[in-house]
Amino acid sequence: WKRSAAKKLLNLGIPYIFFILVSWVLKSLFSSSVNSQAGSLTEAL
């Protein structure tokens, strides 16, 4: 389980955090051009 958990957290967690951050930043910067507004980063994550 430890090996599997480490692998899944790496392979899924890194893309998850990175693309959430990218999307959140873009939604915050271009809020007038998106359909749904960005909430807090904690909420988004």
All heavy atoms as atom14 arrays in JSON, in Angstrom:
{
  "sequence": "WKRSAAKKLLNLGIPYIFFILVSWVLKSLFSSSVNSQAGSLTEAL",
  "atom14_mask": [
    [1, 1, 1, 1, 1, 1, 1, 1, 1, 1, 1, 1, 1, 1],
    [1, 1, 1, 1, 1, 1, 1, 1, 1, 0, 0, 0, 0, 0],
    [1, 1, 1, 1, 1, 1, 1, 1, 1, 1, 1, 0, 0, 0],
    [1, 1, 1, 1, 1, 1, 0, 0, 0, 0, 0, 0, 0, 0],
    [1, 1, 1, 1, 1, 0, 0, 0, 0, 0, 0, 0, 0, 0],
    [1, 1, 1, 1, 1, 0, 0, 0, 0, 0, 0, 0, 0, 0],
    [1, 1, 1, 1, 1, 1, 1, 1, 1, 0, 0, 0, 0, 0],
    [1, 1, 1, 1, 1, 1, 1, 1, 1, 0, 0, 0, 0, 0],
    [1, 1, 1, 1, 1, 1, 1, 1, 0, 0, 0, 0, 0, 0],
    [1, 1, 1, 1, 1, 1, 1, 1, 0, 0, 0, 0, 0, 0],
    [1, 1, 1, 1, 1, 1, 1, 1, 0, 0, 0, 0, 0, 0],
    [1, 1, 1, 1, 1, 1, 1, 1, 0, 0, 0, 0, 0, 0],
    [1, 1, 1, 1, 0, 0, 0, 0, 0, 0, 0, 0, 0, 0],
    [1, 1, 1, 1, 1, 1, 1, 1, 0, 0, 0, 0, 0, 0],
    [1, 1, 1, 1, 1, 1, 1, 0, 0, 0, 0, 0, 0, 0],
    [1, 1, 1, 1, 1, 1, 1, 1, 1, 1, 1, 1, 0, 0],
    [1, 1, 1, 1, 1, 1, 1, 1, 0, 0, 0, 0, 0, 0],
    [1, 1, 1, 1, 1, 1, 1, 1, 1, 1, 1, 0, 0, 0],
    [1, 1, 1, 1, 1, 1, 1, 1, 1, 1, 1, 0, 0, 0],
    [1, 1, 1, 1, 1, 1, 1, 1, 0, 0, 0, 0, 0, 0],
    [1, 1, 1, 1, 1, 1, 1, 1, 0, 0, 0, 0, 0, 0],
    [1, 1, 1, 1, 1, 1, 1, 0, 0, 0, 0, 0, 0, 0],
    [1, 1, 1, 1, 1, 1, 0, 0, 0, 0, 0, 0, 0, 0],
    [1, 1, 1, 1, 1, 1, 1, 1, 1, 1, 1, 1, 1, 1],
    [1, 1, 1, 1, 1, 1, 1, 0, 0, 0, 0, 0, 0, 0],
    [1, 1, 1, 1, 1, 1, 1, 1, 0, 0, 0, 0, 0, 0],
    [1, 1, 1, 1, 1, 1, 1, 1, 1, 0, 0, 0, 0, 0],
    [1, 1, 1, 1, 1, 1, 0, 0, 0, 0, 0, 0, 0, 0],
    [1, 1, 1, 1, 1, 1, 1, 1, 0, 0, 0, 0, 0, 0],
    [1, 1, 1, 1, 1, 1, 1, 1, 1, 1, 1, 0, 0, 0],
    [1, 1, 1, 1, 1, 1, 0, 0, 0, 0, 0, 0, 0, 0],
    [1, 1, 1, 1, 1, 1, 0, 0, 0, 0, 0, 0, 0, 0],
    [1, 1, 1, 1, 1, 1, 0, 0, 0, 0, 0, 0, 0, 0],
    [1, 1, 1, 1, 1, 1, 1, 0, 0, 0, 0, 0, 0, 0],
    [1, 1, 1, 1, 1, 1, 1, 1, 0, 0, 0, 0, 0, 0],
    [1, 1, 1, 1, 1, 1, 0, 0, 0, 0, 0, 0, 0, 0],
    [1, 1, 1, 1, 1, 1, 1, 1, 1, 0, 0, 0, 0, 0],
    [1, 1, 1, 1, 1, 0, 0, 0, 0, 0, 0, 0, 0, 0],
    [1, 1, 1, 1, 0, 0, 0, 0, 0, 0, 0, 0, 0, 0],
    [1, 1, 1, 1, 1, 1, 0, 0, 0, 0, 0, 0, 0, 0],
    [1, 1, 1, 1, 1, 1, 1, 1, 0, 0, 0, 0, 0, 0],
    [1, 1, 1, 1, 1, 1, 1, 0, 0, 0, 0, 0, 0, 0],
    [1, 1, 1, 1, 1, 1, 1, 1, 1, 0, 0, 0, 0, 0],
    [1, 1, 1, 1, 1, 0, 0, 0, 0, 0, 0, 0, 0, 0],
    [1, 1, 1, 1, 1, 1, 1, 1, 0, 0, 0, 0, 0, 0]
  ],
  "atom14_positions": [
    [[0.84, -1.21, 0.0], [0.0, 0.0, 0.0], [0.87, 1.26, 0.0], [0.57, 2.22, -0.7], [-0.91, 0.01, 1.23], [-1.73, 1.25, 1.34], [-2.92, 1.52, 0.74], [-1.38, 2.44, 2.07], [-3.35, 2.78, 1.04], [-2.44, 3.37, 1.85], [-0.31, 2.8, 2.88], [-2.43, 4.64, 2.44], [-0.3, 4.06, 3.45], [-1.35, 4.96, 3.24]],
    [[1.96, 1.24, 0.78], [2.84, 2.41, 0.83], [3.44, 2.71, -0.53], [3.48, 3.88, -0.96], [3.96, 2.19, 1.86], [3.53, 2.31, 3.3], [4.72, 2.45, 4.24], [5.65, 1.26, 4.17], [6.78, 1.4, 5.12], [0.0, 0.0, 0.0], [0.0, 0.0, 0.0], [0.0, 0.0, 0.0], [0.0, 0.0, 0.0], [0.0, 0.0, 0.0]],
    [[3.91, 1.67, -1.22], [4.48, 1.87, -2.56], [3.43, 2.38, -3.53], [3.67, 3.29, -4.32], [5.09, 0.57, -3.07], [6.39, 0.19, -2.39], [7.11, -0.91, -3.17], [6.32, -2.13, -3.22], [6.39, -3.1, -2.33], [7.2, -2.98, -1.27], [5.67, -4.18, -2.46], [0.0, 0.0, 0.0], [0.0, 0.0, 0.0], [0.0, 0.0, 0.0]],
    [[2.24, 1.77, -3.47], [1.16, 2.17, -4.37], [0.71, 3.61, -4.08], [0.51, 4.4, -5.0], [-0.04, 1.22, -4.22], [-1.13, 1.65, -5.01], [0.0, 0.0, 0.0], [0.0, 0.0, 0.0], [0.0, 0.0, 0.0], [0.0, 0.0, 0.0], [0.0, 0.0, 0.0], [0.0, 0.0, 0.0], [0.0, 0.0, 0.0], [0.0, 0.0, 0.0]],
    [[0.58, 3.94, -2.8], [0.13, 5.28, -2.41], [1.13, 6.34, -2.87], [0.73, 7.39, -3.4], [-0.05, 5.35, -0.89], [0.0, 0.0, 0.0], [0.0, 0.0, 0.0], [0.0, 0.0, 0.0], [0.0, 0.0, 0.0], [0.0, 0.0, 0.0], [0.0, 0.0, 0.0], [0.0, 0.0, 0.0], [0.0, 0.0, 0.0], [0.0, 0.0, 0.0]],
    [[2.42, 6.06, -2.68], [3.45, 7.01, -3.11], [3.4, 7.22, -4.62], [3.51, 8.35, -5.11], [4.83, 6.51, -2.69], [0.0, 0.0, 0.0], [0.0, 0.0, 0.0], [0.0, 0.0, 0.0], [0.0, 0.0, 0.0], [0.0, 0.0, 0.0], [0.0, 0.0, 0.0], [0.0, 0.0, 0.0], [0.0, 0.0, 0.0], [0.0, 0.0, 0.0]],
    [[3.21, 6.13, -5.35], [3.15, 6.21, -6.82], [1.94, 7.0, -7.28], [2.03, 7.86, -8.17], [3.12, 4.8, -7.39], [3.09, 4.74, -8.9], [3.08, 3.29, -9.39], [3.01, 3.23, -10.91], [2.99, 1.82, -11.4], [0.0, 0.0, 0.0], [0.0, 0.0, 0.0], [0.0, 0.0, 0.0], [0.0, 0.0, 0.0], [0.0, 0.0, 0.0]],
    [[0.78, 6.72, -6.69], [-0.45, 7.41, -7.1], [-0.42, 8.89, -6.71], [-0.87, 9.76, -7.48], [-1.68, 6.74, -6.47], [-1.85, 5.27, -6.83], [-1.91, 5.04, -8.32], [-2.12, 3.55, -8.62], [-2.07, 3.27, -10.07], [0.0, 0.0, 0.0], [0.0, 0.0, 0.0], [0.0, 0.0, 0.0], [0.0, 0.0, 0.0], [0.0, 0.0, 0.0]],
    [[0.12, 9.18, -5.52], [0.2, 10.58, -5.1], [1.12, 11.38, -6.01], [0.87, 12.55, -6.29], [0.69, 10.66, -3.65], [-0.32, 10.26, -2.57], [0.35, 10.14, -1.22], [-1.47, 11.26, -2.52], [0.0, 0.0, 0.0], [0.0, 0.0, 0.0], [0.0, 0.0, 0.0], [0.0, 0.0, 0.0], [0.0, 0.0, 0.0], [0.0, 0.0, 0.0]],
    [[2.18, 10.73, -6.48], [3.1, 11.4, -7.4], [2.46, 11.58, -8.77], [2.39, 12.71, -9.3], [4.39, 10.58, -7.53], [5.41, 11.09, -8.57], [6.0, 12.43, -8.12], [6.52, 10.06, -8.77], [0.0, 0.0, 0.0], [0.0, 0.0, 0.0], [0.0, 0.0, 0.0], [0.0, 0.0, 0.0], [0.0, 0.0, 0.0], [0.0, 0.0, 0.0]],
    [[1.97, 10.48, -9.36], [1.48, 10.52, -10.74], [0.18, 11.28, -10.92], [-0.08, 11.83, -12.0], [1.31, 9.09, -11.26], [2.63, 8.41, -11.54], [3.63, 9.06, -11.78], [2.64, 7.09, -11.48], [0.0, 0.0, 0.0], [0.0, 0.0, 0.0], [0.0, 0.0, 0.0], [0.0, 0.0, 0.0], [0.0, 0.0, 0.0], [0.0, 0.0, 0.0]],
    [[-0.65, 11.31, -9.88], [-1.93, 12.02, -9.98], [-1.9, 13.35, -9.21], [-2.53, 14.32, -9.64], [-3.06, 11.14, -9.43], [-3.3, 9.82, -10.16], [-4.39, 9.01, -9.45], [-3.7, 10.05, -11.61], [0.0, 0.0, 0.0], [0.0, 0.0, 0.0], [0.0, 0.0, 0.0], [0.0, 0.0, 0.0], [0.0, 0.0, 0.0], [0.0, 0.0, 0.0]],
    [[-1.16, 13.37, -8.11], [-1.15, 14.58, -7.28], [-0.45, 15.76, -7.93], [-0.93, 16.9, -7.85], [0.0, 0.0, 0.0], [0.0, 0.0, 0.0], [0.0, 0.0, 0.0], [0.0, 0.0, 0.0], [0.0, 0.0, 0.0], [0.0, 0.0, 0.0], [0.0, 0.0, 0.0], [0.0, 0.0, 0.0], [0.0, 0.0, 0.0], [0.0, 0.0, 0.0]],
    [[0.68, 15.5, -8.6], [1.42, 16.59, -9.25], [0.6, 17.24, -10.36], [0.45, 18.48, -10.38], [2.79, 16.09, -9.79], [3.68, 15.64, -8.64], [3.47, 17.17, -10.63], [4.03, 16.72, -7.64], [0.0, 0.0, 0.0], [0.0, 0.0, 0.0], [0.0, 0.0, 0.0], [0.0, 0.0, 0.0], [0.0, 0.0, 0.0], [0.0, 0.0, 0.0]],
    [[0.06, 16.47, -11.32], [-0.79, 17.11, -12.35], [-2.01, 17.81, -11.74], [-2.4, 18.89, -12.2], [-1.22, 15.94, -13.24], [-0.19, 14.89, -13.02], [0.23, 15.04, -11.59], [0.0, 0.0, 0.0], [0.0, 0.0, 0.0], [0.0, 0.0, 0.0], [0.0, 0.0, 0.0], [0.0, 0.0, 0.0], [0.0, 0.0, 0.0], [0.0, 0.0, 0.0]],
    [[-2.6, 17.19, -10.71], [-3.78, 17.78, -10.08], [-3.46, 19.17, -9.52], [-4.13, 20.16, -9.83], [-4.29, 16.87, -8.97], [-5.39, 17.48, -8.15], [-6.68, 17.58, -8.67], [-5.15, 17.99, -6.87], [-7.7, 18.16, -7.93], [-6.16, 18.57, -6.13], [-7.43, 18.65, -6.67], [-8.44, 19.25, -5.94], [0.0, 0.0, 0.0], [0.0, 0.0, 0.0]],
    [[-2.42, 19.25, -8.69], [-2.07, 20.53, -8.06], [-1.65, 21.55, -9.12], [-2.07, 22.72, -9.08], [-0.95, 20.33, -7.03], [-1.47, 19.49, -5.85], [-0.43, 21.67, -6.52], [-0.39, 19.08, -4.87], [0.0, 0.0, 0.0], [0.0, 0.0, 0.0], [0.0, 0.0, 0.0], [0.0, 0.0, 0.0], [0.0, 0.0, 0.0], [0.0, 0.0, 0.0]],
    [[-0.82, 21.12, -10.07], [-0.29, 22.05, -11.06], [-1.4, 22.65, -11.92], [-1.47, 23.88, -12.1], [0.73, 21.35, -11.95], [1.27, 22.22, -13.05], [2.19, 23.22, -12.78], [0.85, 22.05, -14.37], [2.68, 24.03, -13.79], [1.34, 22.85, -15.39], [2.26, 23.86, -15.09], [0.0, 0.0, 0.0], [0.0, 0.0, 0.0], [0.0, 0.0, 0.0]],
    [[-2.28, 21.8, -12.45], [-3.3, 22.32, -13.36], [-4.43, 23.04, -12.63], [-5.06, 23.94, -13.21], [-3.84, 21.18, -14.24], [-2.89, 20.82, -15.35], [-2.03, 19.74, -15.23], [-2.83, 21.58, -16.5], [-1.13, 19.42, -16.23], [-1.93, 21.28, -17.51], [-1.08, 20.19, -17.38], [0.0, 0.0, 0.0], [0.0, 0.0, 0.0], [0.0, 0.0, 0.0]],
    [[-4.67, 22.68, -11.38], [-5.59, 23.49, -10.57], [-5.02, 24.89, -10.39], [-5.73, 25.9, -10.54], [-5.84, 22.83, -9.2], [-6.79, 21.65, -9.33], [-6.42, 23.85, -8.22], [-8.25, 21.97, -9.48], [0.0, 0.0, 0.0], [0.0, 0.0, 0.0], [0.0, 0.0, 0.0], [0.0, 0.0, 0.0], [0.0, 0.0, 0.0], [0.0, 0.0, 0.0]],
    [[-3.73, 24.98, -10.07], [-3.09, 26.27, -9.88], [-3.12, 27.11, -11.16], [-3.44, 28.31, -11.12], [-1.64, 26.08, -9.42], [-1.42, 25.62, -7.97], [0.05, 25.3, -7.74], [-1.9, 26.68, -7.0], [0.0, 0.0, 0.0], [0.0, 0.0, 0.0], [0.0, 0.0, 0.0], [0.0, 0.0, 0.0], [0.0, 0.0, 0.0], [0.0, 0.0, 0.0]],
    [[-2.79, 26.48, -12.29], [-2.8, 27.19, -13.56], [-4.2, 27.71, -13.87], [-4.38, 28.88, -14.24], [-2.31, 26.27, -14.7], [-2.55, 26.93, -16.06], [-0.82, 25.95, -14.54], [0.0, 0.0, 0.0], [0.0, 0.0, 0.0], [0.0, 0.0, 0.0], [0.0, 0.0, 0.0], [0.0, 0.0, 0.0], [0.0, 0.0, 0.0], [0.0, 0.0, 0.0]],
    [[-5.2, 26.84, -13.72], [-6.59, 27.24, -14.01], [-7.05, 28.34, -13.07], [-7.73, 29.29, -13.48], [-7.52, 26.03, -13.9], [-7.18, 25.05, -14.84], [0.0, 0.0, 0.0], [0.0, 0.0, 0.0], [0.0, 0.0, 0.0], [0.0, 0.0, 0.0], [0.0, 0.0, 0.0], [0.0, 0.0, 0.0], [0.0, 0.0, 0.0], [0.0, 0.0, 0.0]],
    [[-6.69, 28.22, -11.79], [-7.11, 29.21, -10.8], [-6.49, 30.58, -11.11], [-7.17, 31.61, -11.04], [-6.71, 28.75, -9.41], [-7.16, 29.67, -8.31], [-8.4, 29.71, -7.73], [-6.38, 30.68, -7.67], [-8.44, 30.69, -6.77], [-7.2, 31.31, -6.71], [-5.06, 31.11, -7.81], [-6.75, 32.34, -5.91], [-4.6, 32.14, -7.01], [-5.45, 32.75, -6.06]],
    [[-5.2, 30.57, -11.47], [-4.53, 31.83, -11.81], [-5.16, 32.47, -13.04], [-5.43, 33.69, -13.07], [-3.02, 31.6, -12.04], [-2.38, 32.83, -12.66], [-2.33, 31.24, -10.73], [0.0, 0.0, 0.0], [0.0, 0.0, 0.0], [0.0, 0.0, 0.0], [0.0, 0.0, 0.0], [0.0, 0.0, 0.0], [0.0, 0.0, 0.0], [0.0, 0.0, 0.0]],
    [[-5.41, 31.66, -14.07], [-6.01, 32.19, -15.3], [-7.41, 32.72, -15.05], [-7.78, 33.78, -15.57], [-6.04, 31.1, -16.37], [-4.68, 30.67, -16.94], [-4.84, 29.52, -17.92], [-3.99, 31.86, -17.62], [0.0, 0.0, 0.0], [0.0, 0.0, 0.0], [0.0, 0.0, 0.0], [0.0, 0.0, 0.0], [0.0, 0.0, 0.0], [0.0, 0.0, 0.0]],
    [[-8.2, 32.0, -14.26], [-9.55, 32.47, -13.95], [-9.51, 33.77, -13.15], [-10.37, 34.65, -13.33], [-10.32, 31.39, -13.16], [-10.89, 30.26, -14.02], [-11.61, 29.25, -13.15], [-12.28, 28.18, -13.99], [-13.48, 28.66, -14.67], [0.0, 0.0, 0.0], [0.0, 0.0, 0.0], [0.0, 0.0, 0.0], [0.0, 0.0, 0.0], [0.0, 0.0, 0.0]],
    [[-8.52, 33.89, -12.28], [-8.39, 35.11, -11.48], [-7.95, 36.3, -12.32], [-8.45, 37.42, -12.16], [-7.39, 34.88, -10.33], [-7.82, 33.84, -9.49], [0.0, 0.0, 0.0], [0.0, 0.0, 0.0], [0.0, 0.0, 0.0], [0.0, 0.0, 0.0], [0.0, 0.0, 0.0], [0.0, 0.0, 0.0], [0.0, 0.0, 0.0], [0.0, 0.0, 0.0]],
    [[-7.02, 36.05, -13.25], [-6.5, 37.14, -14.08], [-7.49, 37.58, -15.14], [-7.57, 38.76, -15.49], [-5.19, 36.69, -14.76], [-3.98, 36.51, -13.84], [-2.79, 35.98, -14.64], [-3.61, 37.84, -13.18], [0.0, 0.0, 0.0], [0.0, 0.0, 0.0], [0.0, 0.0, 0.0], [0.0, 0.0, 0.0], [0.0, 0.0, 0.0], [0.0, 0.0, 0.0]],
    [[-8.25, 36.63, -15.67], [-9.17, 36.95, -16.76], [-10.61, 36.65, -16.34], [-11.37, 36.02, -17.06], [-8.8, 36.13, -18.01], [-7.39, 36.35, -18.46], [-6.41, 35.4, -18.19], [-7.02, 37.49, -19.14], [-5.09, 35.59, -18.59], [-5.71, 37.7, -19.55], [-4.74, 36.74, -19.28], [0.0, 0.0, 0.0], [0.0, 0.0, 0.0], [0.0, 0.0, 0.0]],
    [[-10.96, 37.12, -15.17], [-12.29, 36.85, -14.61], [-13.43, 37.36, -15.47], [-14.52, 36.8, -15.48], [-12.39, 37.45, -13.2], [-12.16, 38.85, -13.24], [0.0, 0.0, 0.0], [0.0, 0.0, 0.0], [0.0, 0.0, 0.0], [0.0, 0.0, 0.0], [0.0, 0.0, 0.0], [0.0, 0.0, 0.0], [0.0, 0.0, 0.0], [0.0, 0.0, 0.0]],
    [[-13.17, 38.41, -16.23], [-14.23, 38.99, -17.06], [-14.49, 38.18, -18.31], [-15.51, 38.38, -18.99], [-13.87, 40.42, -17.46], [-12.67, 40.43, -18.23], [0.0, 0.0, 0.0], [0.0, 0.0, 0.0], [0.0, 0.0, 0.0], [0.0, 0.0, 0.0], [0.0, 0.0, 0.0], [0.0, 0.0, 0.0], [0.0, 0.0, 0.0], [0.0, 0.0, 0.0]],
    [[-13.6, 37.23, -18.62], [-13.73, 36.47, -19.87], [-14.11, 35.02, -19.66], [-14.2, 34.26, -20.61], [-12.4, 36.52, -20.65], [-12.03, 37.85, -20.93], [0.0, 0.0, 0.0], [0.0, 0.0, 0.0], [0.0, 0.0, 0.0], [0.0, 0.0, 0.0], [0.0, 0.0, 0.0], [0.0, 0.0, 0.0], [0.0, 0.0, 0.0], [0.0, 0.0, 0.0]],
    [[-14.33, 34.61, -18.4], [-14.65, 33.21, -18.13], [-16.08, 33.08, -17.64], [-16.66, 34.02, -17.09], [-13.68, 32.6, -17.09], [-12.26, 32.61, -17.62], [-13.74, 33.36, -15.77], [0.0, 0.0, 0.0], [0.0, 0.0, 0.0], [0.0, 0.0, 0.0], [0.0, 0.0, 0.0], [0.0, 0.0, 0.0], [0.0, 0.0, 0.0], [0.0, 0.0, 0.0]],
    [[-16.65, 31.87, -17.84], [-18.03, 31.65, -17.46], [-18.2, 31.46, -15.95], [-19.19, 31.87, -15.37], [-18.59, 30.41, -18.18], [-18.7, 30.63, -19.68], [-18.93, 31.75, -20.12], [-18.52, 29.58, -20.46], [0.0, 0.0, 0.0], [0.0, 0.0, 0.0], [0.0, 0.0, 0.0], [0.0, 0.0, 0.0], [0.0, 0.0, 0.0], [0.0, 0.0, 0.0]],
    [[-17.24, 30.78, -15.32], [-17.31, 30.55, -13.87], [-16.12, 31.23, -13.19], [-14.99, 31.09, -13.64], [-17.29, 29.05, -13.56], [-16.13, 28.44, -14.08], [0.0, 0.0, 0.0], [0.0, 0.0, 0.0], [0.0, 0.0, 0.0], [0.0, 0.0, 0.0], [0.0, 0.0, 0.0], [0.0, 0.0, 0.0], [0.0, 0.0, 0.0], [0.0, 0.0, 0.0]],
    [[-16.4, 31.94, -12.12], [-15.37, 32.71, -11.44], [-14.57, 31.82, -10.48], [-15.07, 30.82, -9.98], [-16.0, 33.87, -10.67], [-16.76, 34.83, -11.55], [-15.88, 35.46, -12.63], [-14.85, 36.02, -12.34], [-16.3, 35.36, -13.88], [0.0, 0.0, 0.0], [0.0, 0.0, 0.0], [0.0, 0.0, 0.0], [0.0, 0.0, 0.0], [0.0, 0.0, 0.0]],
    [[-13.32, 32.21, -10.24], [-12.47, 31.47, -9.33], [-12.79, 31.86, -7.9], [-12.89, 33.04, -7.58], [-11.0, 31.77, -9.63], [0.0, 0.0, 0.0], [0.0, 0.0, 0.0], [0.0, 0.0, 0.0], [0.0, 0.0, 0.0], [0.0, 0.0, 0.0], [0.0, 0.0, 0.0], [0.0, 0.0, 0.0], [0.0, 0.0, 0.0], [0.0, 0.0, 0.0]],
    [[-12.94, 30.84, -7.03], [-13.11, 31.11, -5.62], [-11.75, 31.17, -4.96], [-10.76, 31.53, -5.59], [0.0, 0.0, 0.0], [0.0, 0.0, 0.0], [0.0, 0.0, 0.0], [0.0, 0.0, 0.0], [0.0, 0.0, 0.0], [0.0, 0.0, 0.0], [0.0, 0.0, 0.0], [0.0, 0.0, 0.0], [0.0, 0.0, 0.0], [0.0, 0.0, 0.0]],
    [[-11.67, 30.78, -3.7], [-10.38, 30.74, -3.03], [-9.57, 29.55, -3.53], [-10.13, 28.57, -4.03], [-10.57, 30.63, -1.52], [-11.09, 29.35, -1.19], [0.0, 0.0, 0.0], [0.0, 0.0, 0.0], [0.0, 0.0, 0.0], [0.0, 0.0, 0.0], [0.0, 0.0, 0.0], [0.0, 0.0, 0.0], [0.0, 0.0, 0.0], [0.0, 0.0, 0.0]],
    [[-8.26, 29.64, -3.39], [-7.4, 28.55, -3.84], [-7.64, 27.28, -3.01], [-7.62, 26.17, -3.55], [-5.93, 28.97, -3.74], [-4.9, 27.95, -4.26], [-5.18, 27.57, -5.69], [-3.48, 28.52, -4.1], [0.0, 0.0, 0.0], [0.0, 0.0, 0.0], [0.0, 0.0, 0.0], [0.0, 0.0, 0.0], [0.0, 0.0, 0.0], [0.0, 0.0, 0.0]],
    [[-7.88, 27.45, -1.72], [-8.17, 26.3, -0.86], [-9.43, 25.59, -1.32], [-9.48, 24.35, -1.38], [-8.34, 26.75, 0.6], [-7.15, 27.39, 1.04], [-8.66, 25.57, 1.5], [0.0, 0.0, 0.0], [0.0, 0.0, 0.0], [0.0, 0.0, 0.0], [0.0, 0.0, 0.0], [0.0, 0.0, 0.0], [0.0, 0.0, 0.0], [0.0, 0.0, 0.0]],
    [[-10.44, 26.36, -1.67], [-11.69, 25.79, -2.18], [-11.45, 25.06, -3.49], [-11.96, 23.96, -3.7], [-12.73, 26.89, -2.38], [-14.08, 26.37, -2.84], [-15.08, 27.49, -3.06], [-14.78, 28.39, -3.88], [-16.14, 27.48, -2.42], [0.0, 0.0, 0.0], [0.0, 0.0, 0.0], [0.0, 0.0, 0.0], [0.0, 0.0, 0.0], [0.0, 0.0, 0.0]],
    [[-10.64, 25.66, -4.36], [-10.36, 25.05, -5.67], [-9.58, 23.75, -5.53], [-9.76, 22.83, -6.33], [-9.58, 26.03, -6.54], [0.0, 0.0, 0.0], [0.0, 0.0, 0.0], [0.0, 0.0, 0.0], [0.0, 0.0, 0.0], [0.0, 0.0, 0.0], [0.0, 0.0, 0.0], [0.0, 0.0, 0.0], [0.0, 0.0, 0.0], [0.0, 0.0, 0.0]],
    [[-8.72, 23.65, -4.53], [-7.89, 22.46, -4.34], [-8.6, 21.35, -3.57], [-8.44, 20.17, -3.9], [-6.6, 22.83, -3.62], [-5.5, 23.5, -4.45], [-4.41, 24.04, -3.54], [-4.91, 22.52, -5.46], [0.0, 0.0, 0.0], [0.0, 0.0, 0.0], [0.0, 0.0, 0.0], [0.0, 0.0, 0.0], [0.0, 0.0, 0.0], [0.0, 0.0, 0.0]]
  ]
}
